[in-house]
């Protein structure tokens, strides 16, 4: 991978305590590889002094660039902003909390050099709690089932990919962003390599259970029609069950001579079919709601300020 140029894109939220060490370690690793590189921090509306820390680093290290978003848009929105602004051939994405060791970057680059377009750094051992691991496994299963990404079980926020892939989603405009499905629009050449993941040193994860659930729903409804297919199959199944019950009632009447009695039976059937209809309407409503938001043309992100850019400007994504 010698001679390649690398952009390291890092979304930042409540990361002021870790940024200095993170930047120094990335510089040490990439300088030993004799690579031309940049470190692009995207401050995602962080309420702490992360932007001040990025500003200080940009004054010390010529490789550090910074983007300050006008508010918190979400990790993937911030990543999209940084990916679009990256200047070099290879883009590496990683978290700001030091759980992704910069010393593992060469492993991603070496695997990428074998001819892959996207390489994930999967953890040798998860460092999250059980519920976070379960939610992560669910998201990966959804990606694998709904989006057809063959290596979805091995996805990670620690990625390396070729920058030309961003042209597959360069004009994407929606507040709902998920980088992994968008990468699959440009290539099927995915790979994964085991790397060390370290425990979080400062604070706690910014992903709550509510945020993970919301991200999962956004990902499945914004990038897949699987929920609609599920609602259709569910509806056909309920209709088939209704026909079976109707046949049973008719046979009972013809053979015994009296209708099926029982309030419980009738109430159960009404609840079953009402629930089926509400589920289907809810799924359709989710899609209509996202179409409505898309037609509103809300920005994916809005840049408030930039550091170490030749032509600083406000930018809407």
Foldseek 3Di string as FASTA:
>chain_A
DQPFEEEEEEEDAPQLVQQVVQVVQLCVQVVVSVHHYAYEYEYQAHPDCNVVSLVVVVVVDVRYKYFYFPHHLDDQLSVLVSLLVDDTFKYWYDYSQCQAPSNCVVVQVVVVVVPFFKEAAAEPDDQDDPVVVVLQQVLLVCCCPFLVQPCSNRHDRGMMGTSVLCVQCVPPFASQGDVPSSSVSRDNRYYYDYDHTDHGDDDDDPDDPVNSVVNSLSCPLVRGCVLLVVLVVLLVVLVVVVVVVVVVQVVCCVPVVDGDDDPVVVVVNVVSVVVSVVSNVVSVVVNVVRVVRVVVRDFNTWTDWMGSDPDIDIDTD
